[in-house]
């Protein structure tokens, strides 16, 4: 489940715990961030996390902690098939 701030969407905050709705909203918010963000490649997740204006204030967005965690997890997950992920073989990709 994604952490979505209720002030950015018009949905009852309690419904954000419904996995299907939460995921659909997150995908839409990620799509918007990617479209409006001027950062290269996967760095658009910085805009998702901080907002477009917030990302502009970063001197080195490629060093943003959130971006690095997402990118490192993504690079790790690319080594697994969907079946392997569903079997839990991807646990090494996640840090506490």
Protein backbone atom coordinates (compact mmCIF):
# COMPACT_ATOMS: atom_id res chain seq x y z
CA UNK A 1 0.00 0.00 0.00
CA UNK A 2 1.26 3.47 -0.91
CA UNK A 3 1.38 6.32 1.56
CA UNK A 4 -0.94 8.91 0.06
CA UNK A 5 -1.64 12.20 1.76
CA UNK A 6 -5.42 12.69 1.89
CA UNK A 7 -5.13 16.44 1.25
CA UNK A 8 -4.07 15.72 -2.35
CA UNK A 9 -7.08 13.64 -3.32
CA UNK A 10 -10.83 13.77 -2.95
CA UNK A 11 -11.38 10.45 -1.19
CA UNK A 12 -12.40 9.52 2.34
CA UNK A 13 -9.03 8.94 4.09
CA UNK A 14 -10.25 5.62 5.52
CA UNK A 15 -10.67 4.29 1.98
CA UNK A 16 -6.93 4.71 1.37
CA UNK A 17 -6.48 1.40 3.20
CA UNK A 18 -8.41 -0.44 0.48
CA UNK A 19 -5.57 -1.99 -1.56
CA UNK A 20 -7.24 -1.73 -4.98
CA UNK A 21 -8.25 1.91 -4.55
CA UNK A 22 -4.94 2.85 -2.96
CA UNK A 23 -2.95 1.31 -5.80
CA UNK A 24 -5.14 2.91 -8.50
CA UNK A 25 -4.74 6.33 -6.89
CA UNK A 26 -0.99 5.89 -6.49
CA UNK A 27 -0.59 4.90 -10.14
CA UNK A 28 -2.52 8.01 -11.19
CA UNK A 29 -0.40 10.24 -8.91
CA UNK A 30 2.82 8.65 -10.22
CA UNK A 31 1.62 9.18 -13.80
CA UNK A 32 0.93 12.87 -13.07
CA UNK A 33 4.31 13.28 -11.40
CA UNK A 34 6.08 11.71 -14.37
CA UNK A 35 4.23 13.97 -16.81
CA UNK A 36 4.91 17.22 -14.93
CA UNK A 37 8.40 16.50 -13.60
CA UNK A 38 11.44 17.83 -15.44
CA UNK A 39 13.92 15.46 -13.79
CA UNK A 40 15.49 12.72 -15.96
CA UNK A 41 14.63 9.02 -15.90
CA UNK A 42 13.19 7.51 -12.77
CA UNK A 43 13.92 10.65 -10.77
CA UNK A 44 10.28 11.64 -11.32
CA UNK A 45 9.63 9.76 -8.07
CA UNK A 46 11.23 12.77 -6.33
CA UNK A 47 8.37 14.87 -7.74
CA UNK A 48 5.89 12.25 -6.52
CA UNK A 49 7.41 12.38 -3.04
CA UNK A 50 8.17 16.10 -2.69
CA UNK A 51 5.93 17.66 -5.30
CA UNK A 52 7.16 19.36 -8.46
CA UNK A 53 7.95 22.62 -6.66
CA UNK A 54 9.66 20.81 -3.80
CA UNK A 55 11.85 18.88 -6.23
CA UNK A 56 13.00 22.14 -7.84
CA UNK A 57 14.53 23.21 -4.52
CA UNK A 58 16.87 20.21 -4.44
CA UNK A 59 20.41 20.86 -5.51
CA UNK A 60 21.10 17.19 -6.30
CA UNK A 61 17.80 15.31 -6.77
CA UNK A 62 19.74 12.21 -7.83
CA UNK A 63 21.03 12.01 -4.24
CA UNK A 64 17.58 12.33 -2.64
CA UNK A 65 17.15 9.58 -0.01
CA UNK A 66 13.66 8.62 -1.22
CA UNK A 67 14.80 8.41 -4.84
CA UNK A 68 17.82 6.28 -3.92
CA UNK A 69 15.69 3.84 -1.91
CA UNK A 70 13.14 3.50 -4.72
CA UNK A 71 15.80 3.17 -7.43
CA UNK A 72 17.85 0.61 -5.48
CA UNK A 73 14.74 -1.47 -4.78
CA UNK A 74 13.70 -1.24 -8.45
CA UNK A 75 17.14 -2.34 -9.68
CA UNK A 76 17.09 -5.27 -7.25
CA UNK A 77 13.55 -6.35 -8.20
CA UNK A 78 14.44 -6.41 -11.91
CA UNK A 79 16.46 -9.56 -11.19
CA UNK A 80 13.32 -11.53 -10.28
CA UNK A 81 10.38 -12.83 -12.22
CA UNK A 82 6.84 -12.05 -11.04
CA UNK A 83 6.49 -15.67 -9.92
CA UNK A 84 9.67 -15.42 -7.83
CA UNK A 85 8.39 -12.21 -6.23
CA UNK A 86 5.07 -13.86 -5.35
CA UNK A 87 7.04 -16.73 -3.80
CA UNK A 88 8.90 -14.23 -1.61
CA UNK A 89 12.34 -14.64 -3.18
CA UNK A 90 12.74 -10.86 -3.42
CA UNK A 91 13.06 -10.25 0.35
CA UNK A 92 16.70 -9.19 -0.03
CA UNK A 93 15.52 -6.11 -1.98
CA UNK A 94 13.84 -4.52 1.02
CA UNK A 95 15.61 -2.77 3.86
CA UNK A 96 14.05 -1.97 7.20
